[in-house]
PDB file of N, CA and C in Angstrom:
ATOM      1  N   MET A   1      81.150 117.092  93.323  1.00  0.00           N
ATOM      2  CA  MET A   1      82.026 118.196  93.740  1.00  0.00           C
ATOM      3  C   MET A   1      83.508 117.513  93.603  1.00  0.00           C
ATOM      4  N   THR A   2      83.469 118.317  92.871  1.00  0.00           N
ATOM      5  CA  THR A   2      85.166 118.157  92.500  1.00  0.00           C
ATOM      6  C   THR A   2      86.536 118.582  93.422  1.00  0.00           C
ATOM      7  N   SER A   3      87.338 117.835  93.759  1.00  0.00           N
ATOM      8  CA  SER A   3      89.120 118.164  94.698  1.00  0.00           C
ATOM      9  C   SER A   3      88.851 118.912  94.554  1.00  0.00           C
ATOM     10  N   THR A   4      90.190 120.111  95.106  1.00  0.00           N
ATOM     11  CA  THR A   4      91.613 120.804  94.701  1.00  0.00           C
ATOM     12  C   THR A   4      92.782 120.432  94.557  1.00  0.00           C
ATOM     13  N   ARG A   5      93.156 120.130  94.374  1.00  0.00           N
ATOM     14  CA  ARG A   5      94.686 120.091  95.164  1.00  0.00           C
ATOM     15  C   ARG A   5      94.994 120.386  96.550  1.00  0.00           C
ATOM     16  N   SER A   6      94.707 121.469  97.420  1.00  0.00           N
ATOM     17  CA  SER A   6      94.528 121.922  98.310  1.00  0.00           C
ATOM     18  C   SER A   6      94.072 120.662  99.525  1.00  0.00           C
ATOM     19  N   ASP A   7      92.451 120.607  98.355  1.00  0.00           N
ATOM     20  CA  ASP A   7      91.617 119.279  99.681  1.00  0.00           C
ATOM     21  C   ASP A   7      92.411 118.195  99.695  1.00  0.00           C
ATOM     22  N   LEU A   8      93.009 117.789  98.286  1.00  0.00           N
ATOM     23  CA  LEU A   8      93.455 116.664  98.802  1.00  0.00           C
ATOM     24  C   LEU A   8      94.353 116.396  99.188  1.00  0.00           C
ATOM     25  N   SER A   9      94.769 117.319  99.869  1.00  0.00           N
ATOM     26  CA  SER A   9      95.979 117.834 100.904  1.00  0.00           C
ATOM     27  C   SER A   9      95.838 116.968 102.715  1.00  0.00           C
ATOM     28  N   ARG A  10      94.648 117.071 102.722  1.00  0.00           N
ATOM     29  CA  ARG A  10      93.970 116.826 104.186  1.00  0.00           C
ATOM     30  C   ARG A  10      93.454 116.060 104.048  1.00  0.00           C
ATOM     31  N   ARG A  11      93.214 115.427 103.031  1.00  0.00           N
ATOM     32  CA  ARG A  11      92.160 114.684 102.896  1.00  0.00           C
ATOM     33  C   ARG A  11      93.026 112.790 103.672  1.00  0.00           C
ATOM     34  N   SER A  12      92.200 111.252 104.074  1.00  0.00           N
ATOM     35  CA  SER A  12      93.532 110.782 104.498  1.00  0.00           C
ATOM     36  C   SER A  12      93.953 109.973 103.540  1.00  0.00           C
ATOM     37  N   PRO A  13      95.037 109.134 103.738  1.00  0.00           N
ATOM     38  CA  PRO A  13      95.872 108.439 102.445  1.00  0.00           C
ATOM     39  C   PRO A  13      94.827 108.128 102.041  1.00  0.00           C
ATOM     40  N   GLU A  14      93.528 106.575 102.605  1.00  0.00           N
ATOM     41  CA  GLU A  14      92.445 105.673 102.441  1.00  0.00           C
ATOM     42  C   GLU A  14      91.671 106.123 101.982  1.00  0.00           C
ATOM     43  N   ARG A  15      91.093 107.674 102.077  1.00  0.00           N
ATOM     44  CA  ARG A  15      90.337 107.785 101.292  1.00  0.00           C
ATOM     45  C   ARG A  15      90.259 109.219  99.395  1.00  0.00           C
ATOM     46  N   LEU A  16      91.426 108.682  99.509  1.00  0.00           N
ATOM     47  CA  LEU A  16      91.779 109.504  98.011  1.00  0.00           C
ATOM     48  C   LEU A  16      90.809 110.061  97.196  1.00  0.00           C
ATOM     49  N   ARG A  17      90.127 111.316  97.052  1.00  0.00           N
ATOM     50  CA  ARG A  17      89.465 111.130  96.101  1.00  0.00           C
ATOM     51  C   ARG A  17      89.928 112.579  94.901  1.00  0.00           C
ATOM     52  N   LEU A  18      90.142 111.976  93.713  1.00  0.00           N
ATOM     53  CA  LEU A  18      90.384 112.800  92.549  1.00  0.00           C
ATOM     54  C   LEU A  18      89.299 112.668  92.010  1.00  0.00           C
ATOM     55  N   GLY A  19      89.325 114.233  91.288  1.00  0.00           N
ATOM     56  CA  GLY A  19      87.826 114.162  90.326  1.00  0.00           C
ATOM     57  C   GLY A  19      86.180 113.609  90.898  1.00  0.00           C
ATOM     58  N   THR A  20      86.024 112.491  90.005  1.00  0.00           N
ATOM     59  CA  THR A  20      84.148 112.145  90.416  1.00  0.00           C
ATOM     60  C   THR A  20      85.198 110.293  91.037  1.00  0.00           C
ATOM     61  N   LYS A  21      86.848 110.191  90.823  1.00  0.00           N
ATOM     62  CA  LYS A  21      86.484 108.326  91.220  1.00  0.00           C
ATOM     63  C   LYS A  21      87.370 108.013  93.297  1.00  0.00           C
ATOM     64  N   THR A  22      86.754 107.739  93.875  1.00  0.00           N
ATOM     65  CA  THR A  22      87.291 107.319  94.587  1.00  0.00           C
ATOM     66  C   THR A  22      88.625 105.918  94.631  1.00  0.00           C
ATOM     67  N   ASP A  23      89.561 106.215  95.267  1.00  0.00           N
ATOM     68  CA  ASP A  23      90.394 105.036  95.137  1.00  0.00           C
ATOM     69  C   ASP A  23      90.080 104.473  96.698  1.00  0.00           C
ATOM     70  N   LEU A  24      89.660 103.579  97.262  1.00  0.00           N
ATOM     71  CA  LEU A  24      89.665 103.193  98.843  1.00  0.00           C
ATOM     72  C   LEU A  24      90.824 102.741  98.948  1.00  0.00           C
ATOM     73  N   SER A  25      91.802 101.916  97.477  1.00  0.00           N
ATOM     74  CA  SER A  25      93.658 101.698  98.641  1.00  0.00           C
ATOM     75  C   SER A  25      93.513 101.700  99.181  1.00  0.00           C
ATOM     76  N   PRO A  26      94.800 101.487 100.398  1.00  0.00           N
ATOM     77  CA  PRO A  26      95.461 102.328 101.388  1.00  0.00           C
ATOM     78  C   PRO A  26      96.560 102.485  99.853  1.00  0.00           C
ATOM     79  N   ARG A  27      96.955 104.112 100.522  1.00  0.00           N
ATOM     80  CA  ARG A  27      98.414 104.654  99.707  1.00  0.00           C
ATOM     81  C   ARG A  27      99.253 104.017  99.523  1.00  0.00           C
ATOM     82  N   PRO A  28      99.990 102.859  98.775  1.00  0.00           N
ATOM     83  CA  PRO A  28     101.845 101.840  98.750  1.00  0.00           C
ATOM     84  C   PRO A  28     102.077 103.332  98.687  1.00  0.00           C
ATOM     85  N   TRP A  29     102.567 104.379  97.870  1.00  0.00           N
ATOM     86  CA  TRP A  29     103.518 105.579  97.715  1.00  0.00           C
ATOM     87  C   TRP A  29     103.985 106.117  98.301  1.00  0.00           C
ATOM     88  N   THR A  30     104.964 106.772  98.207  1.00  0.00           N
ATOM     89  CA  THR A  30     105.734 107.402  99.057  1.00  0.00           C
ATOM     90  C   THR A  30     105.568 108.791  97.528  1.00  0.00           C
ATOM     91  N   LYS A  31     106.035 109.715  98.893  1.00  0.00           N
ATOM     92  CA  LYS A  31     105.770 110.783  97.992  1.00  0.00           C
ATOM     93  C   LYS A  31     107.293 111.336  96.753  1.00  0.00           C
ATOM     94  N   ALA A  32     108.122 110.595  97.559  1.00  0.00           N
ATOM     95  CA  ALA A  32     108.803 110.593  96.469  1.00  0.00           C
ATOM     96  C   ALA A  32     108.659 109.995  95.247  1.00  0.00           C
ATOM     97  N   GLN A  33     107.830 108.691  95.723  1.00  0.00           N
ATOM     98  CA  GLN A  33     107.514 108.461  93.905  1.00  0.00           C
ATOM     99  C   GLN A  33     105.734 108.940  93.010  1.00  0.00           C
ATOM    100  N   ILE A  34     105.353 109.851  94.174  1.00  0.00           N
ATOM    101  CA  ILE A  34     104.481 110.555  93.519  1.00  0.00           C
ATOM    102  C   ILE A  34     105.353 111.795  92.849  1.00  0.00           C
ATOM    103  N   ARG A  35     105.985 112.304  93.317  1.00  0.00           N
ATOM    104  CA  ARG A  35     106.423 113.027  92.842  1.00  0.00           C
ATOM    105  C   ARG A  35     107.600 112.809  91.248  1.00  0.00           C
ATOM    106  N   GLN A  36     108.301 111.692  90.832  1.00  0.00           N
ATOM    107  CA  GLN A  36     109.328 111.029  90.271  1.00  0.00           C
ATOM    108  C   GLN A  36     107.511 110.908  88.813  1.00  0.00           C
ATOM    109  N   ALA A  37     106.742 110.221  89.102  1.00  0.00           N
ATOM    110  CA  ALA A  37     105.255 110.136  88.843  1.00  0.00           C
ATOM    111  C   ALA A  37     104.923 111.425  87.990  1.00  0.00           C
ATOM    112  N   ARG A  38     104.439 112.365  88.986  1.00  0.00           N
ATOM    113  CA  ARG A  38     104.107 113.264  88.418  1.00  0.00           C
ATOM    114  C   ARG A  38     105.854 114.291  87.110  1.00  0.00           C
ATOM    115  N   HIS A  39     106.242 113.902  87.270  1.00  0.00           N
ATOM    116  CA  HIS A  39     107.620 113.969  86.604  1.00  0.00           C
ATOM    117  C   HIS A  39     108.296 113.654  85.258  1.00  0.00           C
ATOM    118  N   THR A  40     107.280 111.988  84.557  1.00  0.00           N
ATOM    119  CA  THR A  40     107.076 111.360  84.054  1.00  0.00           C
ATOM    120  C   THR A  40     106.631 112.281  82.546  1.00  0.00           C
ATOM    121  N   PRO A  41     108.177 111.960  81.209  1.00  0.00           N
ATOM    122  CA  PRO A  41     107.700 112.015  80.286  1.00  0.00           C
ATOM    123  C   PRO A  41     106.510 111.551  79.785  1.00  0.00           C
ATOM    124  N   LEU A  42     105.407 112.392  79.491  1.00  0.00           N
ATOM    125  CA  LEU A  42     103.822 111.174  78.068  1.00  0.00           C
ATOM    126  C   LEU A  42     104.301 110.278  77.213  1.00  0.00           C
ATOM    127  N   VAL A  43     105.181 111.255  76.563  1.00  0.00           N
ATOM    128  CA  VAL A  43     105.172 110.360  75.815  1.00  0.00           C
ATOM    129  C   VAL A  43     105.423 108.865  75.172  1.00  0.00           C
ATOM    130  N   PRO A  44     106.228 108.937  75.862  1.00  0.00           N
ATOM    131  CA  PRO A  44     106.440 107.447  76.103  1.00  0.00           C
ATOM    132  C   PRO A  44     105.393 106.409  76.139  1.00  0.00           C
ATOM    133  N   ILE A  45     104.828 106.902  77.347  1.00  0.00           N
ATOM    134  CA  ILE A  45     103.452 106.271  78.104  1.00  0.00           C
ATOM    135  C   ILE A  45     102.535 106.382  76.816  1.00  0.00           C
ATOM    136  N   LEU A  46     101.820 107.645  76.635  1.00  0.00           N
ATOM    137  CA  LEU A  46     100.897 107.664  75.565  1.00  0.00           C
ATOM    138  C   LEU A  46     101.005 106.596  74.509  1.00  0.00           C
ATOM    139  N   GLU A  47     102.005 106.525  73.605  1.00  0.00           N
ATOM    140  CA  GLU A  47     101.964 106.079  72.364  1.00  0.00           C
ATOM    141  C   GLU A  47     102.878 103.795  73.093  1.00  0.00           C
ATOM    142  N   ALA A  48     102.700 103.372  74.406  1.00  0.00           N
ATOM    143  CA  ALA A  48     102.688 102.603  75.135  1.00  0.00           C
ATOM    144  C   ALA A  48     101.061 101.900  75.210  1.00  0.00           C
ATOM    145  N   LEU A  49     100.304 103.011  75.409  1.00  0.00           N
ATOM    146  CA  LEU A  49      98.857 102.435  75.235  1.00  0.00           C
ATOM    147  C   LEU A  49      97.777 103.151  73.833  1.00  0.00           C
ATOM    148  N   GLY A  50      98.864 103.433  72.922  1.00  0.00           N
ATOM    149  CA  GLY A  50      98.322 102.491  71.620  1.00  0.00           C
ATOM    150  C   GLY A  50      97.499 104.464  70.748  1.00  0.00           C
ATOM    151  N   TYR A  51      98.283 105.615  72.019  1.00  0.00           N
ATOM    152  CA  TYR A  51      97.592 106.449  71.233  1.00  0.00           C
ATOM    153  C   TYR A  51      98.639 107.112  70.032  1.00  0.00           C
ATOM    154  N   GLN A  52      98.219 107.770  69.213  1.00  0.00           N
ATOM    155  CA  GLN A  52      99.360 108.413  67.933  1.00  0.00           C
ATOM    156  C   GLN A  52      99.443 110.356  67.739  1.00  0.00           C
ATOM    157  N   LEU A  53     100.667 109.897  67.883  1.00  0.00           N
ATOM    158  CA  LEU A  53     101.234 111.523  68.151  1.00  0.00           C
ATOM    159  C   LEU A  53     101.559 112.010  66.541  1.00  0.00           C
ATOM    160  N   GLN A  54     101.562 113.363  66.468  1.00  0.00           N
ATOM    161  CA  GLN A  54     102.095 113.973  65.513  1.00  0.00           C
ATOM    162  C   GLN A  54     102.505 115.499  65.825  1.00  0.00           C
ATOM    163  N   PRO A  55     104.271 114.884  65.670  1.00  0.00           N
ATOM    164  CA  PRO A  55     105.392 116.608  66.973  1.00  0.00           C
ATOM    165  C   PRO A  55     104.372 117.525  65.792  1.00  0.00           C
ATOM    166  N   LEU A  56     104.301 118.398  66.676  1.00  0.00           N
ATOM    167  CA  LEU A  56     104.192 120.342  66.546  1.00  0.00           C
ATOM    168  C   LEU A  56     105.859 120.665  66.963  1.00  0.00           C
ATOM    169  N   LYS A  57     106.124 122.484  66.762  1.00  0.00           N
ATOM    170  CA  LYS A  57     107.125 122.867  67.255  1.00  0.00           C
ATOM    171  C   LYS A  57     107.631 122.822  68.303  1.00  0.00           C
ATOM    172  N   ASN A  58     108.667 123.026  68.416  1.00  0.00           N
ATOM    173  CA  ASN A  58     109.892 123.393  69.770  1.00  0.00           C
ATOM    174  C   ASN A  58     108.929 122.015  71.076  1.00  0.00           C
ATOM    175  N   GLY A  59     109.122 120.681  70.481  1.00  0.00           N
ATOM    176  CA  GLY A  59     108.637 119.479  71.662  1.00  0.00           C
ATOM    177  C   GLY A  59     107.455 119.274  71.470  1.00  0.00           C
ATOM    178  N   ASN A  60     106.418 120.148  70.974  1.00  0.00           N
ATOM    179  CA  ASN A  60     105.189 119.546  71.576  1.00  0.00           C
ATOM    180  C   ASN A  60     104.647 118.144  70.745  1.00  0.00           C
ATOM    181  N   TYR A  61     103.322 117.673  71.052  1.00  0.00           N
ATOM    182  CA  TYR A  61     103.277 116.571  70.267  1.00  0.00           C
ATOM    183  C   TYR A  61     101.673 116.929  70.425  1.00  0.00           C
ATOM    184  N   ARG A  62     100.607 116.571  68.685  1.00  0.00           N
ATOM    185  CA  ARG A  62      99.482 116.287  69.190  1.00  0.00           C
ATOM    186  C   ARG A  62      98.809 114.829  69.094  1.00  0.00           C
ATOM    187  N   LEU A  63      97.900 114.677  69.818  1.00  0.00           N
ATOM    188  CA  LEU A  63      97.534 113.132  69.748  1.00  0.00           C
ATOM    189  C   LEU A  63      95.965 113.672  69.301  1.00  0.00           C
ATOM    190  N   CYS A  64      96.507 112.954  68.426  1.00  0.00           N
ATOM    191  CA  CYS A  64      95.756 112.270  67.299  1.00  0.00           C
ATOM    192  C   CYS A  64      93.927 112.025  67.099  1.00  0.00           C
ATOM    193  N   ARG A  65      93.216 111.261  66.622  1.00  0.00           N
ATOM    194  CA  ARG A  65      92.077 110.842  66.856  1.00  0.00           C
ATOM    195  C   ARG A  65      90.918 111.358  68.019  1.00  0.00           C
ATOM    196  N   LEU A  66      91.591 112.358  68.339  1.00  0.00           N
ATOM    197  CA  LEU A  66      90.483 112.994  69.062  1.00  0.00           C
ATOM    198  C   LEU A  66      89.482 113.795  69.320  1.00  0.00           C
ATOM    199  N   ALA A  67      87.865 113.840  70.086  1.00  0.00           N
ATOM    200  CA  ALA A  67      87.376 114.772  70.145  1.00  0.00           C
ATOM    201  C   ALA A  67      87.778 115.986  69.865  1.00  0.00           C
ATOM    202  N   THR A  68      88.554 116.344  71.356  1.00  0.00           N
ATOM    203  CA  THR A  68      89.547 117.743  71.393  1.00  0.00           C
ATOM    204  C   THR A  68      90.561 117.386  71.518  1.00  0.00           C
ATOM    205  N   GLU A  69      91.575 118.675  71.316  1.00  0.00           N
ATOM    206  CA  GLU A  69      92.302 119.559  71.161  1.00  0.00           C
ATOM    207  C   GLU A  69      93.324 118.933  72.497  1.00  0.00           C
ATOM    208  N   ILE A  70      94.379 117.905  72.239  1.00  0.00           N
ATOM    209  CA  ILE A  70      95.555 117.683  73.661  1.00  0.00           C
ATOM    210  C   ILE A  70      96.509 117.401  72.807  1.00  0.00           C
ATOM    211  N   VAL A  71      97.520 118.415  73.798  1.00  0.00           N
ATOM    212  CA  VAL A  71      98.458 118.861  72.625  1.00  0.00           C
ATOM    213  C   VAL A  71     100.183 118.318  74.438  1.00  0.00           C
ATOM    214  N   VAL A  72     101.102 117.663  74.768  1.00  0.00           N
ATOM    215  CA  VAL A  72     101.957 117.181  75.271  1.00  0.00           C
ATOM    216  C   VAL A  72     103.287 117.963  75.562  1.00  0.00           C
ATOM    217  N   LYS A  73     103.501 117.851  76.110  1.00  0.00           N
ATOM    218  CA  LYS A  73     105.348 118.786  75.782  1.00  0.00           C
ATOM    219  C   LYS A  73     105.972 117.898  77.211  1.00  0.00           C
ATOM    220  N   ASP A  74     106.638 116.759  76.960  1.00  0.00           N
ATOM    221  CA  ASP A  74     107.588 116.901  78.327  1.00  0.00           C
ATOM    222  C   ASP A  74     106.344 116.205  78.851  1.00  0.00           C
ATOM    223  N   HIS A  75     106.864 116.235  79.861  1.00  0.00           N
ATOM    224  CA  HIS A  75     105.399 115.828  80.730  1.00  0.00           C
ATOM    225  C   HIS A  75     104.603 116.353  81.537  1.00  0.00           C
ATOM    226  N   TYR A  76     103.835 116.925  80.563  1.00  0.00           N
ATOM    227  CA  TYR A  76     102.568 117.965  80.800  1.00  0.00           C
ATOM    228  C   TYR A  76     102.007 118.159  79.806  1.00  0.00           C
ATOM    229  N   TRP A  77     100.364 117.972  79.658  1.00  0.00           N
ATOM    230  CA  TRP A  77      99.088 118.050  78.889  1.00  0.00           C
ATOM    231  C   TRP A  77      98.566 118.908  79.189  1.00  0.00           C
ATOM    232  N   VAL A  78      97.962 119.206  77.616  1.00  0.00           N
ATOM    233  CA  VAL A  78      96.828 120.562  78.146  1.00  0.00           C
ATOM    234  C   VAL A  78      95.713 120.580  77.182  1.00  0.00           C
ATOM    235  N   CYS A  79      94.371 120.558  77.359  1.00  0.00           N
ATOM    236  CA  CYS A  79      93.955 120.226  76.582  1.00  0.00           C
ATOM    237  C   CYS A  79      92.875 121.629  75.949  1.00  0.00           C
ATOM    238  N   LYS A  80      93.060 122.510  74.900  1.00  0.00           N
ATOM    239  CA  LYS A  80      93.344 122.897  74.581  1.00  0.00           C
ATOM    240  C   LYS A  80      91.591 123.508  73.817  1.00  0.00           C
ATOM    241  N   ASP A  81      90.755 122.790  73.230  1.00  0.00           N
ATOM    242  CA  ASP A  81      89.030 122.730  73.433  1.00  0.00           C
ATOM    243  C   ASP A  81      88.746 122.454  74.561  1.00  0.00           C
ATOM    244  N   HIS A  82      88.906 123.008  75.761  1.00  0.00           N
ATOM    245  CA  HIS A  82      88.393 122.831  76.764  1.00  0.00           C
ATOM    246  C   HIS A  82      87.521 123.303  77.156  1.00  0.00           C
ATOM    247  N   ASP A  83      86.041 122.997  77.389  1.00  0.00           N
ATOM    248  CA  ASP A  83      84.648 124.026  77.132  1.00  0.00           C
ATOM    249  C   ASP A  83      84.898 124.640  79.339  1.00  0.00           C
ATOM    250  N   THR A  84      85.044 126.014  79.342  1.00  0.00           N
ATOM    251  CA  THR A  84      85.616 126.979  80.315  1.00  0.00           C
ATOM    252  C   THR A  84      84.313 126.534  81.158  1.00  0.00           C
ATOM    253  N   ALA A  85      82.877 127.015  80.458  1.00  0.00           N
ATOM    254  CA  ALA A  85      82.187 126.580  81.194  1.00  0.00           C
ATOM    255  C   ALA A  85      81.243 125.928  82.369  1.00  0.00           C
ATOM    256  N   ALA A  86      82.012 124.306  81.191  1.00  0.00           N
ATOM    257  CA  ALA A  86      81.990 122.383  82.205  1.00  0.00           C
ATOM    258  C   ALA A  86      82.218 122.636  83.489  1.00  0.00           C
ATOM    259  N   GLY A  87      83.695 123.442  83.813  1.00  0.00           N
ATOM    260  CA  GLY A  87      84.279 124.015  84.863  1.00  0.00           C
ATOM    261  C   GLY A  87      84.746 122.914  85.486  1.00  0.00           C
ATOM    262  N   ALA A  88      83.559 121.504  85.601  1.00  0.00           N
ATOM    263  CA  ALA A  88      84.385 120.453  86.469  1.00  0.00           C
ATOM    264  C   ALA A  88      85.580 119.623  86.130  1.00  0.00           C
ATOM    265  N   ARG A  89      85.671 119.401  84.068  1.00  0.00           N
ATOM    266  CA  ARG A  89      86.879 118.544  83.753  1.00  0.00           C
ATOM    267  C   ARG A  89      88.356 120.229  84.261  1.00  0.00           C
ATOM    268  N   LYS A  90      89.406 119.256  84.139  1.00  0.00           N
ATOM    269  CA  LYS A  90      91.075 119.648  84.438  1.00  0.00           C
ATOM    270  C   LYS A  90      90.714 120.012  83.022  1.00  0.00           C
ATOM    271  N   SER A  91      91.780 121.268  82.408  1.00  0.00           N
ATOM    272  CA  SER A  91      92.298 121.098  80.992  1.00  0.00           C
ATOM    273  C   SER A  91      93.609 120.673  80.914  1.00  0.00           C
ATOM    274  N   SER A  92      94.609 120.262  81.873  1.00  0.00           N
ATOM    275  CA  SER A  92      95.780 119.950  81.950  1.00  0.00           C
ATOM    276  C   SER A  92      96.083 119.427  82.922  1.00  0.00           C
ATOM    277  N   GLY A  93      97.624 119.391  83.186  1.00  0.00           N
ATOM    278  CA  GLY A  93      98.226 118.722  84.117  1.00  0.00           C
ATOM    279  C   GLY A  93      99.940 117.887  83.779  1.00  0.00           C
ATOM    280  N   ASN A  94      99.760 117.336  84.630  1.00  0.00           N
ATOM    281  CA  ASN A  94     100.859 115.671  84.505  1.00  0.00           C
ATOM    282  C   ASN A  94     100.341 114.511  84.372  1.00  0.00           C
ATOM    283  N   ALA A  95     101.221 113.524  84.592  1.00  0.00           N
ATOM    284  CA  ALA A  95     100.825 112.241  84.259  1.00  0.00           C
ATOM    285  C   ALA A  95      99.914 111.890  84.830  1.00  0.00           C
ATOM    286  N   ILE A  96      99.976 111.366  85.979  1.00  0.00           N
ATOM    287  CA  ILE A  96      99.557 110.976  86.834  1.00  0.00           C
ATOM    288  C   ILE A  96      98.045 112.804  86.198  1.00  0.00           C
ATOM    289  N   ASP A  97      97.749 113.237  85.816  1.00  0.00           N
ATOM    290  CA  ASP A  97      95.961 113.652  85.517  1.00  0.00           C
ATOM    291  C   ASP A  97      95.730 112.893  84.475  1.00  0.00           C
ATOM    292  N   PHE A  98      96.619 112.365  83.461  1.00  0.00           N
ATOM    293  CA  PHE A  98      96.190 112.518  82.075  1.00  0.00           C
ATOM    294  C   PHE A  98      95.545 111.262  83.054  1.00  0.00           C
ATOM    295  N   LEU A  99      96.753 110.213  83.482  1.00  0.00           N
ATOM    296  CA  LEU A  99      95.938 108.578  83.195  1.00  0.00           C
ATOM    297  C   LEU A  99      94.889 108.269  84.394  1.00  0.00           C
ATOM    298  N   VAL A 100      94.314 110.013  84.828  1.00  0.00           N
ATOM    299  CA  VAL A 100      93.094 109.721  85.522  1.00  0.00           C
ATOM    300  C   VAL A 100      91.842 110.729  85.139  1.00  0.00           C
ATOM    301  N   GLU A 101      92.089 111.228  84.681  1.00  0.00           N
ATOM    302  CA  GLU A 101      90.913 112.043  84.092  1.00  0.00           C
ATOM    303  C   GLU A 101      90.797 111.959  82.282  1.00  0.00           C
ATOM    304  N   VAL A 102      91.490 111.031  81.579  1.00  0.00           N
ATOM    305  CA  VAL A 102      91.578 111.009  80.302  1.00  0.00           C
ATOM    306  C   VAL A 102      91.154 109.486  79.326  1.00  0.00           C
ATOM    307  N   GLU A 103      92.661 108.904  81.021  1.00  0.00           N
ATOM    308  CA  GLU A 103      92.365 107.554  81.119  1.00  0.00           C
ATOM    309  C   GLU A 103      91.086 107.189  81.455  1.00  0.00           C
ATOM    310  N   GLY A 104      90.449 107.607  83.002  1.00  0.00           N
ATOM    311  CA  GLY A 104      89.355 107.566  83.524  1.00  0.00           C
ATOM    312  C   GLY A 104      90.841 106.424  84.463  1.00  0.00           C
ATOM    313  N   MET A 105      91.900 106.408  85.147  1.00  0.00           N
ATOM    314  CA  MET A 105      92.308 105.581  85.725  1.00  0.00           C
ATOM    315  C   MET A 105      91.586 106.279  86.944  1.00  0.00           C
ATOM    316  N   THR A 106      92.366 104.871  88.269  1.00  0.00           N
ATOM    317  CA  THR A 106      92.055 105.397  89.969  1.00  0.00           C
ATOM    318  C   THR A 106      93.612 105.169  89.804  1.00  0.00           C
ATOM    319  N   PHE A 107      94.279 107.205  90.758  1.00  0.00           N
ATOM    320  CA  PHE A 107      95.196 106.980  90.960  1.00  0.00           C
ATOM    321  C   PHE A 107      95.971 106.154  91.536  1.00  0.00           C
ATOM    322  N   SER A 108      95.415 105.337  92.053  1.00  0.00           N
ATOM    323  CA  SER A 108      97.105 103.617  92.285  1.00  0.00           C
ATOM    324  C   SER A 108      96.749 103.339  90.657  1.00  0.00           C
ATOM    325  N   GLN A 109      95.658 102.956  90.118  1.00  0.00           N
ATOM    326  CA  GLN A 109      96.251 102.373  88.609  1.00  0.00           C
ATOM    327  C   GLN A 109      97.104 103.060  88.084  1.00  0.00           C
ATOM    328  N   ALA A 110      97.168 104.779  88.365  1.00  0.00           N
ATOM    329  CA  ALA A 110      97.983 105.438  87.865  1.00  0.00           C
ATOM    330  C   ALA A 110      99.183 104.874  88.009  1.00  0.00           C
ATOM    331  N   MET A 111      99.283 105.231  88.487  1.00  0.00           N
ATOM    332  CA  MET A 111     100.462 105.265  89.936  1.00  0.00           C
ATOM    333  C   MET A 111     100.690 103.339  89.109  1.00  0.00           C
ATOM    334  N   ASP A 112     100.812 102.922  89.548  1.00  0.00           N
ATOM    335  CA  ASP A 112     100.646 101.218  89.099  1.00  0.00           C
ATOM    336  C   ASP A 112     100.805 101.160  87.417  1.00  0.00           C
ATOM    337  N   GLN A 113     100.290 102.006  86.387  1.00  0.00           N
ATOM    338  CA  GLN A 113     101.516 102.478  84.929  1.00  0.00           C
ATOM    339  C   GLN A 113     102.153 102.621  85.097  1.00  0.00           C
ATOM    340  N   ILE A 114     102.899 103.791  85.891  1.00  0.00           N
ATOM    341  CA  ILE A 114     103.670 104.709  85.857  1.00  0.00           C
ATOM    342  C   ILE A 114     104.586 104.340  86.094  1.00  0.00           C
ATOM    343  N   ARG A 115     104.778 103.357  87.152  1.00  0.00           N
ATOM    344  CA  ARG A 115     105.506 102.168  87.924  1.00  0.00           C
ATOM    345  C   ARG A 115     105.798 101.290  86.269  1.00  0.00           C
ATOM    346  N   SER A 116     104.989 100.153  86.394  1.00  0.00           N
ATOM    347  CA  SER A 116     105.411  99.754  85.822  1.00  0.00           C
ATOM    348  C   SER A 116     105.923 100.593  84.094  1.00  0.00           C
ATOM    349  N   HIS A 117     105.955 101.298  83.143  1.00  0.00           N
ATOM    350  CA  HIS A 117     106.354 101.579  82.351  1.00  0.00           C
ATOM    351  C   HIS A 117     107.855 102.152  82.865  1.00  0.00           C
ATOM    352  N   HIS A 118     107.866 102.946  84.655  1.00  0.00           N
ATOM    353  CA  HIS A 118     109.510 102.586  84.680  1.00  0.00           C
ATOM    354  C   HIS A 118     110.102 101.383  84.519  1.00  0.00           C
ATOM    355  N   GLU A 119     110.297 100.493  85.217  1.00  0.00           N
ATOM    356  CA  GLU A 119     110.026  99.272  85.473  1.00  0.00           C
ATOM    357  C   GLU A 119     110.707  98.129  83.720  1.00  0.00           C
ATOM    358  N   HIS A 120     109.966  98.827  82.717  1.00  0.00           N
ATOM    359  CA  HIS A 120     110.543  98.697  81.759  1.00  0.00           C
ATOM    360  C   HIS A 120     110.916  98.906  80.901  1.00  0.00           C
ATOM    361  N   THR A 121     110.910 100.535  81.187  1.00  0.00           N
ATOM    362  CA  THR A 121     112.551 100.828  79.810  1.00  0.00           C
ATOM    363  C   THR A 121     113.714 100.951  80.754  1.00  0.00           C
ATOM    364  N   ARG A 122     113.715 100.479  82.420  1.00  0.00           N
ATOM    365  CA  ARG A 122     115.134  99.783  82.731  1.00  0.00           C
ATOM    366  C   ARG A 122     115.354  99.170  82.474  1.00  0.00           C
ATOM    367  N   SER A 123     114.428  97.836  82.078  1.00  0.00           N
ATOM    368  CA  SER A 123     115.426  96.279  82.151  1.00  0.00           C
ATOM    369  C   SER A 123     115.502  96.224  80.609  1.00  0.00           C
ATOM    370  N   THR A 124     114.940  97.428  79.967  1.00  0.00           N
ATOM    371  CA  THR A 124     115.312  97.170  77.965  1.00  0.00           C
ATOM    372  C   THR A 124     116.244  98.087  77.698  1.00  0.00           C
TER     373      THR A 124
END
């Protein structure tokens, strides 16, 4: 069973379930931190993770060398080749969603990655 956003809002913070991954660590994140993470620009994070990006029109980027086509703009990504018959996988989302759904991180790992990125960009 895949959780929806409405399902997530009713779950206890200690047992947050995203897709098929369960994060059992306590949630140290405030609503403001999660909101900020959702609006984090994806391109610098993806470059830091080693993705190659091809610039497209209107400030969009295509992730190169993937089995499916993923297009990124600002803090949002879309998987254009998403098979709607599969239904279980997300076809778009924010920075957190990308790290969880595409990279396979837990929610806490994704938040740590984004926090680390913010700290690194502030120190440079």
